[in-house]
Amino acid sequence: VQLQASGGGLVQAGGSLRLTCAASGRTYSNYRTAWFRQTPGKEREFVARIRWSDSSTFYADSVKGRFTISGDNSKNTVDLQMNNLRPEDTAAYYCAADACQGCGYGYWGQGTQVTVSS
């Protein structure tokens, strides 16, 4: 599975951005797709995930109510709609996928930078 993240950019606090993760290859084997983020000197942080079997979603407390993850099976894409952005949301955002329950996120895309100015 190959993942390609896009949609990052520079936005003012309170603004919105929409990230897209496009998957190719053996996408039928994906169990979940998730977004993570990372800032220099810090560990990668979980943001949100969607489980393909039932479209259930799960969010980090820090983004709950502001970010929405959604998936389109027909296009093999996962979007992350980010509203009411804060400077602390500034990070490189990565999408990831795992192939089964308990497999771990073994597939990663390149990061897309999100910068929120105050």
C-alpha atoms as a PDB file:
ATOM      1  CA  VAL A   1       0.000   0.000   0.000  1.00  0.00           C
ATOM      2  CA  GLN A   2       1.275   3.426  -0.944  1.00  0.00           C
ATOM      3  CA  LEU A   3      -0.083   6.525   0.765  1.00  0.00           C
ATOM      4  CA  GLN A   4       0.115  10.090  -0.489  1.00  0.00           C
ATOM      5  CA  ALA A   5      -0.825  12.980   1.791  1.00  0.00           C
ATOM      6  CA  SER A   6      -1.687  16.431   0.509  1.00  0.00           C
ATOM      7  CA  GLY A   7      -3.512  19.621   1.444  1.00  0.00           C
ATOM      8  CA  GLY A   8      -1.214  21.216   3.985  1.00  0.00           C
ATOM      9  CA  GLY A   9      -0.472  24.907   4.029  1.00  0.00           C
ATOM     10  CA  LEU A  10      -0.375  28.117   6.006  1.00  0.00           C
ATOM     11  CA  VAL A  11      -3.527  29.357   7.687  1.00  0.00           C
ATOM     12  CA  GLN A  12      -4.424  31.859  10.378  1.00  0.00           C
ATOM     13  CA  ALA A  13      -5.715  30.748  13.748  1.00  0.00           C
ATOM     14  CA  GLY A  14      -9.413  30.001  13.531  1.00  0.00           C
ATOM     15  CA  GLY A  15      -9.135  28.985   9.907  1.00  0.00           C
ATOM     16  CA  SER A  16      -9.662  25.638   8.211  1.00  0.00           C
ATOM     17  CA  LEU A  17      -7.723  23.179   6.088  1.00  0.00           C
ATOM     18  CA  ARG A  18      -8.603  19.858   4.502  1.00  0.00           C
ATOM     19  CA  LEU A  19      -5.982  17.152   4.200  1.00  0.00           C
ATOM     20  CA  THR A  20      -6.338  14.208   1.852  1.00  0.00           C
ATOM     21  CA  CYS A  21      -4.647  10.822   2.004  1.00  0.00           C
ATOM     22  CA  ALA A  22      -4.789   8.883  -1.258  1.00  0.00           C
ATOM     23  CA  ALA A  23      -4.038   5.160  -1.163  1.00  0.00           C
ATOM     24  CA  SER A  24      -2.895   2.935  -4.000  1.00  0.00           C
ATOM     25  CA  GLY A  25      -1.801  -0.662  -4.275  1.00  0.00           C
ATOM     26  CA  ARG A  26      -3.437  -3.377  -2.126  1.00  0.00           C
ATOM     27  CA  THR A  27      -5.957  -1.018  -0.577  1.00  0.00           C
ATOM     28  CA  TYR A  28      -8.562  -3.764  -0.051  1.00  0.00           C
ATOM     29  CA  SER A  29      -6.416  -5.075   2.787  1.00  0.00           C
ATOM     30  CA  ASN A  30      -6.584  -1.863   4.823  1.00  0.00           C
ATOM     31  CA  TYR A  31      -8.178  -2.219   8.245  1.00  0.00           C
ATOM     32  CA  ARG A  32      -7.836   1.341   9.466  1.00  0.00           C
ATOM     33  CA  THR A  33      -6.440   4.588   8.148  1.00  0.00           C
ATOM     34  CA  ALA A  34      -5.233   7.249  10.536  1.00  0.00           C
ATOM     35  CA  TRP A  35      -3.663  10.663  10.739  1.00  0.00           C
ATOM     36  CA  PHE A  36      -0.718  11.450  12.958  1.00  0.00           C
ATOM     37  CA  ARG A  37       1.259  14.640  13.414  1.00  0.00           C
ATOM     38  CA  GLN A  38       4.736  15.522  14.537  1.00  0.00           C
ATOM     39  CA  THR A  39       6.660  18.640  15.427  1.00  0.00           C
ATOM     40  CA  PRO A  40      10.459  18.804  15.613  1.00  0.00           C
ATOM     41  CA  GLY A  41      11.827  17.322  18.809  1.00  0.00           C
ATOM     42  CA  LYS A  42       8.551  15.667  19.761  1.00  0.00           C
ATOM     43  CA  GLU A  43       7.160  12.188  19.311  1.00  0.00           C
ATOM     44  CA  ARG A  44       4.619  11.496  16.618  1.00  0.00           C
ATOM     45  CA  GLU A  45       1.115  12.106  17.974  1.00  0.00           C
ATOM     46  CA  PHE A  46      -2.088  10.301  17.027  1.00  0.00           C
ATOM     47  CA  VAL A  47      -4.785  12.612  15.641  1.00  0.00           C
ATOM     48  CA  ALA A  48      -7.685  10.550  14.284  1.00  0.00           C
ATOM     49  CA  ARG A  49      -8.529   7.271  12.625  1.00  0.00           C
ATOM     50  CA  ILE A  50     -11.292   5.599  10.659  1.00  0.00           C
ATOM     51  CA  ARG A  51     -12.001   1.879  10.598  1.00  0.00           C
ATOM     52  CA  TRP A  52     -13.124   0.742   7.175  1.00  0.00           C
ATOM     53  CA  SER A  53     -15.298  -2.188   8.288  1.00  0.00           C
ATOM     54  CA  ASP A  54     -17.884   0.009   9.999  1.00  0.00           C
ATOM     55  CA  SER A  55     -16.681   3.566   9.290  1.00  0.00           C
ATOM     56  CA  SER A  56     -16.210   4.161  12.996  1.00  0.00           C
ATOM     57  CA  THR A  57     -13.968   7.042  13.938  1.00  0.00           C
ATOM     58  CA  PHE A  58     -11.809   7.944  16.903  1.00  0.00           C
ATOM     59  CA  TYR A  59     -10.107  11.224  17.782  1.00  0.00           C
ATOM     60  CA  ALA A  60      -7.441  12.530  20.074  1.00  0.00           C
ATOM     61  CA  ASP A  61      -8.923  14.708  22.792  1.00  0.00           C
ATOM     62  CA  SER A  62      -6.916  17.667  21.522  1.00  0.00           C
ATOM     63  CA  VAL A  63      -8.786  17.726  18.196  1.00  0.00           C
ATOM     64  CA  LYS A  64     -12.193  16.358  19.145  1.00  0.00           C
ATOM     65  CA  GLY A  65     -14.964  18.657  17.990  1.00  0.00           C
ATOM     66  CA  ARG A  66     -12.670  20.527  15.600  1.00  0.00           C
ATOM     67  CA  PHE A  67     -11.371  17.830  13.227  1.00  0.00           C
ATOM     68  CA  THR A  68     -13.404  15.334  11.221  1.00  0.00           C
ATOM     69  CA  ILE A  69     -12.005  12.262   9.505  1.00  0.00           C
ATOM     70  CA  SER A  70     -13.913  10.690   6.622  1.00  0.00           C
ATOM     71  CA  GLY A  71     -13.252   8.020   4.051  1.00  0.00           C
ATOM     72  CA  ASP A  72     -14.319   7.310   0.486  1.00  0.00           C
ATOM     73  CA  ASN A  73     -13.971   3.653  -0.456  1.00  0.00           C
ATOM     74  CA  SER A  74     -14.604   4.286  -4.130  1.00  0.00           C
ATOM     75  CA  LYS A  75     -11.710   6.733  -4.349  1.00  0.00           C
ATOM     76  CA  ASN A  76      -9.470   5.086  -1.721  1.00  0.00           C
ATOM     77  CA  THR A  77      -9.086   8.408   0.015  1.00  0.00           C
ATOM     78  CA  VAL A  78      -9.307   9.610   3.595  1.00  0.00           C
ATOM     79  CA  ASP A  79      -9.842  13.268   4.378  1.00  0.00           C
ATOM     80  CA  LEU A  80      -9.133  15.180   7.536  1.00  0.00           C
ATOM     81  CA  GLN A  81     -11.220  18.328   7.791  1.00  0.00           C
ATOM     82  CA  MET A  82      -9.585  20.659  10.287  1.00  0.00           C
ATOM     83  CA  ASN A  83     -11.620  23.591  11.589  1.00  0.00           C
ATOM     84  CA  ASN A  84     -10.917  26.248  14.181  1.00  0.00           C
ATOM     85  CA  LEU A  85      -7.199  25.644  13.835  1.00  0.00           C
ATOM     86  CA  ARG A  86      -4.866  26.723  16.613  1.00  0.00           C
ATOM     87  CA  PRO A  87      -1.154  27.523  16.556  1.00  0.00           C
ATOM     88  CA  GLU A  88      -0.543  24.327  18.532  1.00  0.00           C
ATOM     89  CA  ASP A  89      -1.916  22.351  15.575  1.00  0.00           C
ATOM     90  CA  THR A  90       1.180  23.341  13.602  1.00  0.00           C
ATOM     91  CA  ALA A  91       2.961  20.134  12.612  1.00  0.00           C
ATOM     92  CA  ALA A  92       3.801  17.778   9.799  1.00  0.00           C
ATOM     93  CA  TYR A  93       0.762  15.571   9.294  1.00  0.00           C
ATOM     94  CA  TYR A  94       1.133  11.963   8.196  1.00  0.00           C
ATOM     95  CA  CYS A  95      -1.424   9.396   7.119  1.00  0.00           C
ATOM     96  CA  ALA A  96      -0.949   5.757   8.008  1.00  0.00           C
ATOM     97  CA  ALA A  97      -2.722   2.460   7.450  1.00  0.00           C
ATOM     98  CA  ASP A  98      -2.730  -0.965   9.009  1.00  0.00           C
ATOM     99  CA  ALA A  99      -3.723  -4.242   7.402  1.00  0.00           C
ATOM    100  CA  CYS A 100      -5.458  -5.991  10.292  1.00  0.00           C
ATOM    101  CA  GLN A 101      -6.508  -5.640  13.894  1.00  0.00           C
ATOM    102  CA  GLY A 102      -3.372  -5.665  15.996  1.00  0.00           C
ATOM    103  CA  CYS A 103      -1.047  -5.326  13.006  1.00  0.00           C
ATOM    104  CA  GLY A 104       0.024  -1.815  13.787  1.00  0.00           C
ATOM    105  CA  TYR A 105       0.346   1.035  11.336  1.00  0.00           C
ATOM    106  CA  GLY A 106       2.832  -0.407   8.900  1.00  0.00           C
ATOM    107  CA  TYR A 107       2.138   1.847   5.940  1.00  0.00           C
ATOM    108  CA  TRP A 108       2.998   5.531   6.040  1.00  0.00           C
ATOM    109  CA  GLY A 109       2.747   8.421   3.640  1.00  0.00           C
ATOM    110  CA  GLN A 110       5.080  11.376   3.463  1.00  0.00           C
ATOM    111  CA  GLY A 111       4.173  14.315   5.663  1.00  0.00           C
ATOM    112  CA  THR A 112       2.294  17.415   4.659  1.00  0.00           C
ATOM    113  CA  GLN A 113       3.077  20.569   6.622  1.00  0.00           C
ATOM    114  CA  VAL A 114       0.350  22.502   8.391  1.00  0.00           C
ATOM    115  CA  THR A 115       1.312  25.868   9.834  1.00  0.00           C
ATOM    116  CA  VAL A 116      -1.161  27.912  11.873  1.00  0.00           C
ATOM    117  CA  SER A 117      -0.215  31.507  12.567  1.00  0.00           C
ATOM    118  CA  SER A 118      -1.505  33.415  15.574  1.00  0.00           C
END
